[in-house]
Protein backbone atom coordinates (compact mmCIF):
# COMPACT_ATOMS: atom_id res chain seq x y z
CA UNK A 1 -41.29 -23.80 51.39
CA UNK A 2 -39.79 -24.68 48.00
CA UNK A 3 -37.14 -26.64 49.74
CA UNK A 4 -39.68 -28.65 51.60
CA UNK A 5 -41.51 -29.59 48.34
CA UNK A 6 -38.32 -30.53 46.68
CA UNK A 7 -37.14 -32.44 49.67
CA UNK A 8 -40.23 -34.52 49.65
CA UNK A 9 -39.76 -35.16 45.94
CA UNK A 10 -36.24 -36.46 46.21
CA UNK A 11 -37.05 -40.02 47.16
CA UNK A 12 -39.40 -40.20 44.19
CA UNK A 13 -36.68 -38.77 41.94
CA UNK A 14 -34.29 -41.49 43.13
CA UNK A 15 -36.98 -44.21 42.69
CA UNK A 16 -37.77 -43.14 39.20
CA UNK A 17 -34.05 -43.00 38.32
CA UNK A 18 -33.78 -46.60 39.55
CA UNK A 19 -36.73 -47.66 37.37
CA UNK A 20 -35.20 -45.93 34.43
CA UNK A 21 -31.86 -47.69 35.08
CA UNK A 22 -33.56 -51.08 35.11
CA UNK A 23 -35.85 -50.29 32.10
CA UNK A 24 -32.98 -48.91 29.98
CA UNK A 25 -30.24 -51.49 30.81
CA UNK A 26 -30.10 -52.74 27.19
CA UNK A 27 -29.52 -49.13 25.90
CA UNK A 28 -26.77 -48.40 28.43
CA UNK A 29 -28.04 -44.99 29.38
CA UNK A 30 -26.32 -45.03 32.77
CA UNK A 31 -22.64 -45.01 33.75
CA UNK A 32 -21.61 -45.14 37.36
CA UNK A 33 -18.88 -42.39 36.93
CA UNK A 34 -21.27 -39.98 35.12
CA UNK A 35 -24.30 -40.69 37.41
CA UNK A 36 -22.32 -40.25 40.65
CA UNK A 37 -20.90 -37.00 39.28
CA UNK A 38 -24.51 -35.85 38.56
CA UNK A 39 -25.65 -36.67 42.11
CA UNK A 40 -22.54 -35.13 43.65
CA UNK A 41 -23.30 -31.84 41.97
CA UNK A 42 -26.90 -32.13 43.14
CA UNK A 43 -25.67 -32.38 46.84
CA UNK A 44 -23.37 -29.37 46.46
CA UNK A 45 -26.45 -27.52 44.89
CA UNK A 46 -28.37 -28.36 48.12
CA UNK A 47 -25.54 -27.19 50.42
CA UNK A 48 -25.20 -23.84 48.79
CA UNK A 49 -29.05 -23.59 48.45
CA UNK A 50 -29.65 -23.30 52.19
CA UNK A 51 -27.89 -19.93 52.42
CA UNK A 52 -28.87 -18.68 49.01
CA UNK A 53 -32.53 -19.40 49.51
CA UNK A 54 -32.43 -17.90 52.92
CA UNK A 55 -30.98 -14.67 51.55
CA UNK A 56 -33.44 -14.70 48.60
CA UNK A 57 -36.50 -14.94 50.93
CA UNK A 58 -35.26 -12.02 53.09
CA UNK A 59 -34.65 -9.84 49.98
CA UNK A 60 -37.90 -10.89 48.20
CA UNK A 61 -39.96 -10.07 51.34
CA UNK A 62 -38.31 -6.69 51.81
CA UNK A 63 -39.08 -5.67 48.20
CA UNK A 64 -42.67 -7.08 48.64
CA UNK A 65 -43.26 -5.15 51.95
CA UNK A 66 -41.76 -1.83 51.04
CA UNK A 67 -41.82 -1.47 47.17
CA UNK A 68 -44.74 -3.58 45.86
CA UNK A 69 -47.70 -2.00 44.19
CA UNK A 70 -49.71 -2.66 47.27
CA UNK A 71 -47.32 -0.70 49.46
CA UNK A 72 -46.88 2.23 47.04
CA UNK A 73 -50.31 2.63 45.46
CA UNK A 74 -52.55 0.96 48.19
CA UNK A 75 -53.75 -1.83 45.66
CA UNK A 76 -55.67 -4.78 47.32
CA UNK A 77 -53.50 -7.62 48.57
CA UNK A 78 -52.66 -10.42 46.06
CA UNK A 79 -55.04 -13.38 46.68
CA UNK A 80 -53.02 -16.20 48.14
CA UNK A 81 -55.47 -18.44 49.86
CA UNK A 82 -55.92 -22.09 48.86
CA UNK A 83 -58.39 -22.65 45.92
CA UNK A 84 -59.89 -25.45 47.96
CA UNK A 85 -61.10 -24.63 51.49
CA UNK A 86 -62.82 -27.00 53.97
CA UNK A 87 -66.11 -25.74 55.31
CA UNK A 88 -68.90 -27.12 57.47
CA UNK A 89 -70.71 -28.20 54.22
CA UNK A 90 -67.66 -29.85 52.75
CA UNK A 91 -64.99 -28.63 50.34
CA UNK A 92 -65.45 -25.36 48.60
CA UNK A 93 -63.83 -24.15 45.43
CA UNK A 94 -62.64 -20.50 45.22
CA UNK A 95 -62.32 -19.44 41.52
CA UNK A 96 -60.48 -16.21 42.39
CA UNK A 97 -57.73 -18.05 44.35
CA UNK A 98 -57.39 -20.64 41.62
CA UNK A 99 -56.91 -18.04 38.87
CA UNK A 100 -54.40 -16.20 41.32
CA UNK A 101 -52.34 -19.39 41.70
CA UNK A 102 -52.59 -20.13 37.92
CA UNK A 103 -51.35 -16.67 37.23
CA UNK A 104 -48.35 -17.15 39.47
CA UNK A 105 -47.43 -20.49 37.99
CA UNK A 106 -47.63 -19.23 34.44
CA UNK A 107 -45.61 -16.12 35.43
CA UNK A 108 -42.95 -18.23 37.10
CA UNK A 109 -42.79 -20.32 33.98
CA UNK A 110 -42.53 -17.36 31.70
CA UNK A 111 -39.79 -15.74 33.77
CA UNK A 112 -37.95 -19.11 33.77
CA UNK A 113 -38.00 -19.18 29.95
CA UNK A 114 -36.29 -15.87 29.82
CA UNK A 115 -33.81 -16.73 32.54
CA UNK A 116 -33.02 -20.13 31.02
CA UNK A 117 -32.58 -18.49 27.55
CA UNK A 118 -30.34 -15.77 29.07
CA UNK A 119 -28.09 -18.51 30.56
CA UNK A 120 -27.37 -19.72 27.09
CA UNK A 121 -26.94 -16.21 25.49
CA UNK A 122 -24.95 -14.36 28.08
CA UNK A 123 -21.61 -15.58 28.98
CA UNK A 124 -21.34 -14.88 32.61
CA UNK A 125 -24.88 -16.41 33.19
CA UNK A 126 -23.73 -19.53 31.04
CA UNK A 127 -21.09 -20.04 33.71
CA UNK A 128 -23.80 -20.67 36.27
CA UNK A 129 -25.73 -23.06 34.05
CA UNK A 130 -23.03 -24.97 32.12
CA UNK A 131 -22.81 -27.61 34.96
CA UNK A 132 -26.20 -28.90 33.99
CA UNK A 133 -25.10 -29.43 30.32
CA UNK A 134 -21.74 -30.96 31.06
CA UNK A 135 -22.85 -34.60 31.13
CA UNK A 136 -22.39 -36.63 28.03
CA UNK A 137 -25.44 -38.78 29.03
CA UNK A 138 -29.18 -37.94 29.25
CA UNK A 139 -31.01 -39.62 32.02
CA UNK A 140 -32.93 -38.67 35.16
CA UNK A 141 -29.77 -38.22 37.29
CA UNK A 142 -28.75 -35.56 34.92
CA UNK A 143 -31.82 -33.54 36.06
CA UNK A 144 -30.07 -33.35 39.54
CA UNK A 145 -26.78 -32.14 38.06
CA UNK A 146 -27.18 -28.41 39.00
CA UNK A 147 -24.80 -25.50 39.50
CA UNK A 148 -24.00 -24.33 43.06
CA UNK A 149 -24.54 -20.77 41.91
CA UNK A 150 -27.47 -20.74 39.52
CA UNK A 151 -30.06 -20.05 42.20
CA UNK A 152 -28.49 -16.62 42.93
CA UNK A 153 -29.36 -15.40 39.36
CA UNK A 154 -32.52 -17.42 38.94
CA UNK A 155 -34.05 -15.87 42.11
CA UNK A 156 -32.91 -12.47 41.01
CA UNK A 157 -34.88 -12.83 37.78
CA UNK A 158 -38.08 -13.58 39.83
CA UNK A 159 -37.90 -10.41 42.07
CA UNK A 160 -40.46 -8.54 39.74
CA UNK A 161 -43.03 -10.92 41.28
CA UNK A 162 -42.33 -9.25 44.66
CA UNK A 163 -43.25 -5.87 43.15
CA UNK A 164 -46.65 -7.35 42.36
CA UNK A 165 -47.10 -8.23 46.01
CA UNK A 166 -47.00 -11.99 45.47
CA UNK A 167 -45.97 -13.58 48.86
CA UNK A 168 -42.61 -15.32 48.85
CA UNK A 169 -44.04 -18.70 49.84
CA UNK A 170 -46.49 -18.55 46.91
CA UNK A 171 -43.64 -17.92 44.50
CA UNK A 172 -41.59 -20.72 46.03
CA UNK A 173 -44.35 -23.22 45.87
CA UNK A 174 -44.91 -22.50 42.16
CA UNK A 175 -41.11 -22.43 41.48
CA UNK A 176 -40.94 -25.83 43.26
CA UNK A 177 -43.68 -27.27 40.97
CA UNK A 178 -41.73 -26.01 37.96
CA UNK A 179 -38.55 -27.72 39.17
CA UNK A 180 -40.38 -31.01 39.84
CA UNK A 181 -41.99 -30.92 36.44
CA UNK A 182 -38.55 -30.55 34.87
CA UNK A 183 -37.25 -33.84 36.42
CA UNK A 184 -39.18 -36.21 34.28
CA UNK A 185 -38.23 -34.67 30.88
CA UNK A 186 -34.63 -35.80 31.35
CA UNK A 187 -35.08 -39.24 29.79
CA UNK A 188 -34.31 -41.03 26.55
CA UNK A 189 -36.93 -43.72 27.16
CA UNK A 190 -39.98 -41.73 26.45
CA UNK A 191 -40.82 -40.95 22.78
CA UNK A 192 -43.02 -38.14 21.31
CA UNK A 193 -46.30 -37.64 23.07
CA UNK A 194 -48.80 -36.46 20.50
CA UNK A 195 -50.74 -33.30 21.35
CA UNK A 196 -48.55 -32.64 24.44
CA UNK A 197 -45.65 -31.73 22.07
CA UNK A 198 -47.62 -28.63 20.93
CA UNK A 199 -48.13 -27.18 24.43
CA UNK A 200 -45.94 -28.73 27.17
CA UNK A 201 -42.20 -29.33 27.43
CA UNK A 202 -41.65 -33.04 26.78
CA UNK A 203 -38.59 -35.38 26.87
CA UNK A 204 -38.31 -35.11 23.17
CA UNK A 205 -37.98 -31.16 23.38
CA UNK A 206 -35.60 -31.40 26.22
CA UNK A 207 -33.35 -33.92 24.52
CA UNK A 208 -33.00 -31.37 21.80
CA UNK A 209 -32.03 -28.70 24.52
CA UNK A 210 -29.17 -30.91 25.83
CA UNK A 211 -27.89 -31.73 22.35
CA UNK A 212 -24.65 -30.32 21.18
CA UNK A 213 -25.48 -30.79 17.43
CA UNK A 214 -25.27 -27.29 15.69
CA UNK A 215 -29.06 -27.45 14.79
CA UNK A 216 -29.99 -28.12 18.37
CA UNK A 217 -27.85 -25.39 20.09
CA UNK A 218 -29.79 -22.91 22.32
CA UNK A 219 -33.16 -24.34 21.59
CA UNK A 220 -36.24 -25.33 23.71
CA UNK A 221 -35.67 -23.35 26.89
CA UNK A 222 -39.08 -23.70 28.38
CA UNK A 223 -39.73 -24.99 31.88
CA UNK A 224 -43.27 -26.39 31.74
CA UNK A 225 -44.70 -24.79 28.57
CA UNK A 226 -43.10 -25.15 25.12
CA UNK A 227 -45.31 -22.33 23.89
CA UNK A 228 -42.72 -19.64 24.82
CA UNK A 229 -40.10 -21.26 22.50
CA UNK A 230 -42.66 -21.40 19.70
CA UNK A 231 -43.68 -17.75 20.30
CA UNK A 232 -40.13 -16.36 20.58
CA UNK A 233 -38.38 -18.42 17.88
CA UNK A 234 -36.22 -20.78 19.93
CA UNK A 235 -38.20 -23.98 19.08
CA UNK A 236 -36.59 -26.93 17.39
CA UNK A 237 -37.98 -30.43 16.74
CA UNK A 238 -36.15 -33.56 17.52
CA UNK A 239 -35.42 -35.17 14.20
CA UNK A 240 -32.49 -37.42 15.29
CA UNK A 241 -30.95 -38.60 18.47
CA UNK A 242 -28.74 -35.76 19.78
CA UNK A 243 -25.17 -36.14 20.92
CA UNK A 244 -25.37 -34.74 24.55
CA UNK A 245 -23.08 -32.48 26.35
CA UNK A 246 -20.95 -29.38 25.71
CA UNK A 247 -19.54 -28.44 22.25
CA UNK A 248 -16.22 -28.87 23.96
CA UNK A 249 -16.69 -31.93 26.20
CA UNK A 250 -15.64 -31.70 29.80
CA UNK A 251 -12.99 -34.35 30.39
CA UNK A 252 -13.55 -34.89 34.08
CA UNK A 253 -16.02 -36.36 36.57
CA UNK A 254 -14.89 -33.87 39.14
CA UNK A 255 -18.18 -32.03 40.28
CA UNK A 256 -16.26 -29.04 41.67
CA UNK A 257 -14.52 -28.41 38.24
CA UNK A 258 -17.95 -28.82 36.62
CA UNK A 259 -19.18 -25.92 38.64
CA UNK A 260 -15.98 -23.70 38.15
CA UNK A 261 -14.43 -24.38 34.80
CA UNK A 262 -16.29 -21.62 32.78
CA UNK A 263 -15.66 -19.02 35.52
CA UNK A 264 -11.93 -19.89 35.36
CA UNK A 265 -11.97 -19.77 31.54
CA UNK A 266 -13.97 -16.43 31.52
CA UNK A 267 -11.56 -14.83 33.97
CA UNK A 268 -8.60 -15.89 31.78
CA UNK A 269 -10.30 -14.56 28.74
CA UNK A 270 -10.95 -11.20 30.32
CA UNK A 271 -7.44 -10.92 31.59
CA UNK A 272 -6.12 -11.64 28.02
CA UNK A 273 -8.34 -9.11 26.38
CA UNK A 274 -7.12 -5.47 25.99
CA UNK A 275 -9.56 -2.68 26.35
CA UNK A 276 -12.55 -2.36 29.00
CA UNK A 277 -15.15 -2.35 26.19
CA UNK A 278 -14.14 -5.86 24.90
CA UNK A 279 -13.76 -7.07 28.46
CA UNK A 280 -17.35 -6.10 29.20
CA UNK A 281 -18.61 -7.59 25.98
CA UNK A 282 -16.94 -10.91 26.85
CA UNK A 283 -19.24 -11.02 29.94
CA UNK A 284 -22.52 -10.15 28.25
CA UNK A 285 -22.32 -11.51 24.76
CA UNK A 286 -22.87 -15.14 23.81
CA UNK A 287 -20.34 -17.75 25.13
CA UNK A 288 -18.88 -18.25 21.68
CA UNK A 289 -18.08 -14.57 21.15
CA UNK A 290 -14.48 -13.42 21.15
CA UNK A 291 -13.02 -9.99 20.30
CA UNK A 292 -10.90 -9.62 17.25
CA UNK A 293 -7.74 -9.47 19.58
CA UNK A 294 -8.44 -13.09 20.52
CA UNK A 295 -9.28 -14.26 16.93
CA UNK A 296 -12.95 -13.47 16.61
CA UNK A 297 -15.92 -15.59 17.23
CA UNK A 298 -15.20 -19.16 18.24
CA UNK A 299 -16.50 -21.65 15.81
CA UNK A 300 -18.52 -24.62 16.96
CA UNK A 301 -16.78 -27.83 15.86
CA UNK A 302 -18.47 -30.35 13.72
CA UNK A 303 -19.32 -33.67 15.21
CA UNK A 304 -18.00 -36.86 13.56
CA UNK A 305 -20.53 -39.42 14.88
CA UNK A 306 -18.41 -42.38 13.65
CA UNK A 307 -15.38 -41.35 15.63
CA UNK A 308 -16.96 -39.56 18.68
CA UNK A 309 -16.27 -41.26 21.98
CA UNK A 310 -17.38 -40.16 25.40
CA UNK A 311 -14.85 -39.51 28.25
CA UNK A 312 -14.62 -42.71 30.23
CA UNK A 313 -11.21 -43.43 31.86
CA UNK A 314 -10.59 -47.01 32.80
CA UNK A 315 -10.22 -47.72 36.45
CA UNK A 316 -9.95 -50.87 38.56
CA UNK A 317 -13.01 -52.63 39.92
CA UNK A 318 -11.77 -52.01 43.48
CA UNK A 319 -11.61 -48.26 42.90
CA UNK A 320 -15.08 -48.32 41.42
CA UNK A 321 -16.45 -50.02 44.52
CA UNK A 322 -14.61 -47.58 46.71
CA UNK A 323 -15.94 -44.67 44.61
CA UNK A 324 -19.59 -45.97 44.97
CA UNK A 325 -19.16 -46.62 48.77
CA UNK A 326 -17.67 -43.12 49.32
CA UNK A 327 -20.52 -41.53 47.53
CA UNK A 328 -23.07 -43.37 49.60
CA UNK A 329 -21.31 -42.19 52.68
CA UNK A 330 -21.34 -38.56 51.49
CA UNK A 331 -24.97 -38.62 50.41
CA UNK A 332 -26.09 -40.09 53.70
CA UNK A 333 -24.00 -37.66 55.69
CA UNK A 334 -25.41 -34.72 53.71
CA UNK A 335 -28.97 -35.79 54.33
CA UNK A 336 -28.25 -36.27 58.10
CA UNK A 337 -26.67 -32.78 58.37
CA UNK A 338 -29.52 -31.10 56.59
CA UNK A 339 -31.97 -32.79 58.98
CA UNK A 340 -29.93 -31.58 61.92
CA UNK A 341 -30.06 -28.00 60.59
CA UNK A 342 -33.87 -28.13 60.03
CA UNK A 343 -34.33 -29.41 63.66
CA UNK A 344 -32.22 -26.60 64.98
CA UNK A 345 -29.59 -28.95 66.33
CA UNK A 346 -26.70 -27.46 64.18
CA UNK A 347 -25.74 -23.82 63.71
CA UNK A 348 -25.72 -22.39 60.27
CA UNK A 349 -22.07 -21.56 60.71
CA UNK A 350 -21.17 -25.26 61.42
CA UNK A 351 -23.40 -26.37 58.56
CA UNK A 352 -21.42 -24.07 56.32
CA UNK A 353 -18.23 -25.52 57.65
CA UNK A 354 -19.48 -29.00 56.58
CA UNK A 355 -20.26 -27.41 53.17
CA UNK A 356 -16.75 -26.42 52.75
CA UNK A 357 -15.65 -29.85 53.79
CA UNK A 358 -18.00 -31.42 51.15
CA UNK A 359 -16.44 -29.26 48.58
CA UNK A 360 -12.99 -30.83 49.33
CA UNK A 361 -14.57 -34.35 49.70
CA UNK A 362 -16.19 -34.20 46.25
CA UNK A 363 -12.97 -32.87 44.77
CA UNK A 364 -11.15 -35.89 46.08
CA UNK A 365 -14.08 -38.28 44.92
CA UNK A 366 -13.64 -36.76 41.41
CA UNK A 367 -9.95 -37.91 41.48
CA UNK A 368 -11.17 -41.37 42.16
CA UNK A 369 -13.42 -41.58 39.18
CA UNK A 370 -10.93 -39.77 36.86
CA UNK A 371 -8.48 -42.52 37.47
CA UNK A 372 -5.96 -40.18 39.15
CA UNK A 373 -2.89 -41.94 40.53
CA UNK A 374 -1.90 -41.38 44.13
CA UNK A 375 -5.10 -39.93 45.29
CA UNK A 376 -4.86 -41.84 48.69
CA UNK A 377 -3.30 -38.75 50.39
CA UNK A 378 -6.25 -36.63 49.48
CA UNK A 379 -8.66 -39.29 50.96
CA UNK A 380 -6.65 -39.38 54.14
CA UNK A 381 -6.68 -35.64 54.57
CA UNK A 382 -10.43 -35.71 53.92
CA UNK A 383 -11.09 -38.06 56.80
CA UNK A 384 -8.91 -36.17 59.13
CA UNK A 385 -10.79 -32.89 58.40
CA UNK A 386 -14.08 -34.74 58.93
CA UNK A 387 -13.02 -35.95 62.33
CA UNK A 388 -12.29 -32.33 63.28
CA UNK A 389 -15.72 -31.20 62.20
CA UNK A 390 -17.57 -34.12 63.84
CA UNK A 391 -15.76 -33.21 67.19
CA UNK A 392 -17.52 -29.86 66.95
CA UNK A 393 -20.88 -31.51 66.80
CA UNK A 394 -20.41 -32.57 70.50
C-alpha cells in the first residue's frame, strides 16, 4: 500500500524538482552529475524495496496475528476504518477512527525520530543512511537519494506497532504520508516559516540536518514534527547557510559506492581492530568512535569556507549528453519493469535479475560522470547483459 502511495507521488516529486530547477537557476542549486546520482540511488532503492517490503509485510502480519495484544489478551481489534464513510444521508465523520489514524501517524513519526537518530549515532546503522547525506547539494532530488538497505532497519523499528494490533496497511499508509511530507523539506528556496518552525519539520530545520558544520551535526532528526528534537535535546536552529554533505566528502558520483562505502570502511576497521569488545563497540558506537588501538576518536575536520570546493570532475559535453541519455533510458526501463511486475507479467526472480543488472548499469554510469577514462568496455558489457535479460522476457 505504501508503495502505491509513493508511486503516485513520484510524478509530483519530479514536477516539483523541475519547478525548483527553473526557480533556482540563478543560485545554481542543481548540477547534472549530482542530481543524476541522486535519482540513480532512488531507482536502486525502488528495486530493493520490492523484495524488502514484501518480506516486511509478511513478518509484520505474522507478529500482528500471533503475538499482538489482541491475540494474547483478547483486546478489541484496533479501529482501522476510514474516518469518513459514505452513507445514504451523505458523508459521516467517525471520531474514533479519526483518533486511531491520528495515533498511528504520530506513533510512526515518533518511531521515525528514534530510528533516524539511531542511524546517526550507531555506526552500523549509519552505513544504511549515509547515502542520503553524501550529496554536496541540497535540493529536491536529494530527497530521492536513498540507501538500498535502509528500509530493512526502518521497518524493523516499526514492528512494535504490530504488537499493538495495527494492521500492516494502516502502518504503510501512515509511513507513506511521512515519506511524502519529507520530500518538500529538501530545498534551499524556502526560508523560515513563522509558527510552523515551532511544531513541524521545515526546510530550514532540514537544511541544518544535512549540514556538515560542527554545530549542525546530528541535529533535527524529526520526520513530520520537530517537537521530538525540541523535547529530546537534538534541536538546532539554522543561523547560517550550511555546507552540505559528509564530514569527509564522497569523491564520486557512483551510486553503488554511495551505498556501500561505509560498509566497506566499517569492515576494514573491524578487521584491523584487536579484541572482540572493541570490534563490537565499533559497530554500535557513534561513527567517529575509534578504539585506542586505532588512535582514538576521529576528529571532525574544520571547514575552511574560503577554500572549500565541491567534487566536480570536468568531462566533455558529449559525455555529459551520453550520461543524461543513458540515465533517461535506465529510468524508463526501471518504470516499465516495475509495471510488468505489478501486472503479473514478470516473475519476481526475473525482476531480481534485472535488479542485479541495474546494479552493474549504474556502476558503469558512475564511471561516465566521474570522468573515468576507457569506460566504453563497461558500457558494451552492460548492453550485452541487457540483451540476454530481454531475451528471457519472451
